[in-house]
Every structure is written in C-alpha cells, then in structure tokens.
Amino acid sequence: MKKLFSSIVAIDSDGIPYNIPNTRYKKWKINSLGFRGKEITLERKKGQIRITCFGSSETLGARETEGKEWPSQLGEMLKDKYPKAEVINISIMGLSQKMRKAYIEKYVLPLKPDIIGCFSISGNQ
C-alpha cells in the first residue's frame, strides 16, 4: 500500500494531501480533477445533483477494480431513477483526521456538491 500511496498521493504547498490528477497505478485511475472514477467537470450541469462520497480506503476502493468501488456502484443504482445525480468519489488514501477540513475546503467545495457524505466502517473516522 505504501507504493500505491506514493504513486497517487502528493502534498500541496499548504501541506494538504491530494490525489495526483491524471494518475494511474495498476487498477487505480485518478481523473483530471484528482478524484477516483470517471472524468467530471468542475462546472455542474443545469439541474444536476452532485453527491460526493468521502471516507477511508473502503470508500476509495483500494481493493476494488475500476467501477466497482461503492460510490461508483451507488451512481449506477441512481442513474435510472435520478439521471441528473452525479456521484463523485472524493476519498484520498491516508488522509489524517486533522487534514480533512482543509482538504474538503480546498479540493471538494469548488465542486459545489449538494451532499458531502463521510462513510467509514472503522472507528477511526
């Protein structure tokens, strides 16, 4: 996991870890905005509902192949009934609890999400 971490995560000038845009490591692909999953735009489409999913390695999908991490599966489940819903996996591997607020403010809020969901299966979140 250490090699994976150093291959897709960098630290910005403010000391905030972020996923390196347009990075690929084995089965993990980071899009041009630095999030795992399909390509998205910063600007929202008219009427779009933007749901962001944040969490630990389970949410990132550290053990899942492309499109099988649960935020992608949630997007698939919603697409027929809510075609304007967009689910974005904003997780980052190894982000400490003290850096979460800064990461969300700098990298997630520019997406103007309607929902920021934080999910964890461990007691460390």
Protein backbone atom coordinates (compact mmCIF):
# COMPACT_ATOMS: atom_id res chain seq x y z
CA MET A 1 0.00 0.00 0.00
CA LYS A 2 2.92 2.37 0.61
CA LYS A 3 3.95 2.21 -3.06
CA LEU A 4 0.33 2.82 -4.09
CA PHE A 5 0.10 5.80 -1.72
CA SER A 6 3.27 7.45 -3.02
CA SER A 7 2.19 6.79 -6.62
CA ILE A 8 -1.17 8.59 -6.45
CA VAL A 9 -0.95 11.00 -3.48
CA ALA A 10 1.11 14.19 -3.20
CA ILE A 11 1.30 17.01 -0.65
CA ASP A 12 0.47 20.54 -1.84
CA SER A 13 2.18 23.78 -0.73
CA ASP A 14 -0.28 24.10 2.18
CA GLY A 15 0.67 20.63 3.46
CA ILE A 16 -2.64 19.10 2.31
CA PRO A 17 -2.51 15.62 0.74
CA TYR A 18 -4.35 15.27 -2.57
CA ASN A 19 -4.74 12.69 -5.32
CA ILE A 20 -2.44 13.49 -8.23
CA PRO A 21 -4.65 14.31 -11.24
CA ASN A 22 -4.45 12.03 -14.30
CA THR A 23 -2.54 9.37 -12.37
CA ARG A 24 -2.81 5.66 -12.81
CA TYR A 25 -1.35 2.93 -10.63
CA LYS A 26 -2.23 -0.61 -11.60
CA LYS A 27 -6.05 -0.71 -11.30
CA TRP A 28 -6.49 2.77 -9.79
CA LYS A 29 -7.21 5.69 -12.07
CA ILE A 30 -7.43 9.27 -10.84
CA ASN A 31 -9.29 11.72 -13.10
CA SER A 32 -8.13 15.20 -14.14
CA LEU A 33 -9.64 16.81 -11.02
CA GLY A 34 -7.90 14.36 -8.67
CA PHE A 35 -10.77 12.02 -7.82
CA ARG A 36 -11.12 8.29 -8.41
CA GLY A 37 -13.54 7.43 -11.16
CA LYS A 38 -14.81 8.73 -14.43
CA GLU A 39 -13.98 12.15 -15.76
CA ILE A 40 -16.10 15.01 -14.39
CA THR A 41 -16.21 18.75 -14.89
CA LEU A 42 -15.83 21.40 -12.24
CA GLU A 43 -18.93 23.15 -13.53
CA ARG A 44 -22.25 21.49 -12.83
CA LYS A 45 -24.84 20.89 -15.49
CA LYS A 46 -28.20 22.60 -15.08
CA GLY A 47 -30.40 20.68 -12.65
CA GLN A 48 -27.60 18.32 -11.67
CA ILE A 49 -27.47 16.85 -8.17
CA ARG A 50 -23.89 16.35 -7.03
CA ILE A 51 -23.20 13.77 -4.32
CA THR A 52 -19.67 13.41 -3.01
CA CYS A 53 -18.54 10.34 -1.07
CA PHE A 54 -15.66 10.69 1.35
CA GLY A 55 -14.09 8.06 3.52
CA SER A 56 -11.22 5.73 4.11
CA SER A 57 -9.75 3.07 1.85
CA GLU A 58 -13.10 1.23 1.68
CA THR A 59 -14.72 4.27 0.06
CA LEU A 60 -11.72 4.95 -2.16
CA GLY A 61 -11.99 1.33 -3.24
CA ALA A 62 -8.39 0.42 -2.52
CA ARG A 63 -9.16 -3.25 -3.18
CA GLU A 64 -11.73 -2.75 -5.93
CA THR A 65 -11.30 -2.65 -9.69
CA GLU A 66 -12.38 0.42 -11.65
CA GLY A 67 -16.11 1.00 -11.40
CA LYS A 68 -16.57 -1.49 -8.55
CA GLU A 69 -15.86 0.84 -5.62
CA TRP A 70 -19.13 1.52 -3.82
CA PRO A 71 -19.51 5.21 -4.84
CA SER A 72 -19.46 4.08 -8.49
CA GLN A 73 -22.00 1.38 -7.69
CA LEU A 74 -24.20 3.98 -5.96
CA GLY A 75 -24.06 6.12 -9.10
CA GLU A 76 -25.15 3.14 -11.19
CA MET A 77 -28.06 2.43 -8.85
CA LEU A 78 -29.27 6.04 -9.04
CA LYS A 79 -28.85 6.70 -12.76
CA ASP A 80 -32.22 5.37 -13.97
CA LYS A 81 -34.44 6.98 -11.34
CA TYR A 82 -32.27 10.11 -10.90
CA PRO A 83 -30.45 10.67 -14.20
CA LYS A 84 -29.19 14.10 -13.09
CA ALA A 85 -27.47 12.68 -10.00
CA GLU A 86 -23.68 12.56 -10.18
CA VAL A 87 -21.76 10.60 -7.55
CA ILE A 88 -18.11 11.55 -7.05
CA ASN A 89 -15.59 9.57 -5.01
CA ILE A 90 -13.63 12.32 -3.24
CA SER A 91 -11.70 9.92 -0.98
CA ILE A 92 -7.96 10.09 -0.60
CA MET A 93 -5.76 7.36 0.82
CA GLY A 94 -4.16 8.11 4.19
CA LEU A 95 -5.77 11.49 4.84
CA SER A 96 -5.45 12.26 8.54
CA GLN A 97 -8.43 13.45 10.52
CA LYS A 98 -6.80 16.83 11.15
CA MET A 99 -6.35 17.46 7.38
CA ARG A 100 -9.92 16.56 6.33
CA LYS A 101 -11.43 20.03 6.74
CA ALA A 102 -8.61 21.69 4.77
CA TYR A 103 -8.85 19.02 2.02
CA ILE A 104 -12.61 19.42 1.68
CA GLU A 105 -12.41 23.23 1.64
CA LYS A 106 -9.66 23.35 -0.99
CA TYR A 107 -10.44 20.38 -3.24
CA VAL A 108 -14.11 19.48 -2.75
CA LEU A 109 -16.08 22.68 -2.16
CA PRO A 110 -15.13 24.04 -5.62
CA LEU A 111 -17.31 21.20 -6.99
CA LYS A 112 -20.32 22.82 -5.27
CA PRO A 113 -21.67 19.49 -4.00
CA ASP A 114 -25.23 19.15 -2.76
CA ILE A 115 -24.19 16.37 -0.40
CA ILE A 116 -20.86 15.53 1.20
CA GLY A 117 -21.19 12.10 2.74
CA CYS A 118 -18.48 10.75 5.02
CA PHE A 119 -18.55 7.00 5.43
CA SER A 120 -16.41 4.61 7.40
CA ILE A 121 -16.57 1.04 8.60
CA SER A 122 -13.88 1.52 11.23
CA GLY A 123 -13.98 3.51 14.43
CA ASN A 124 -11.09 5.75 13.30
CA GLN A 125 -13.09 8.12 11.12
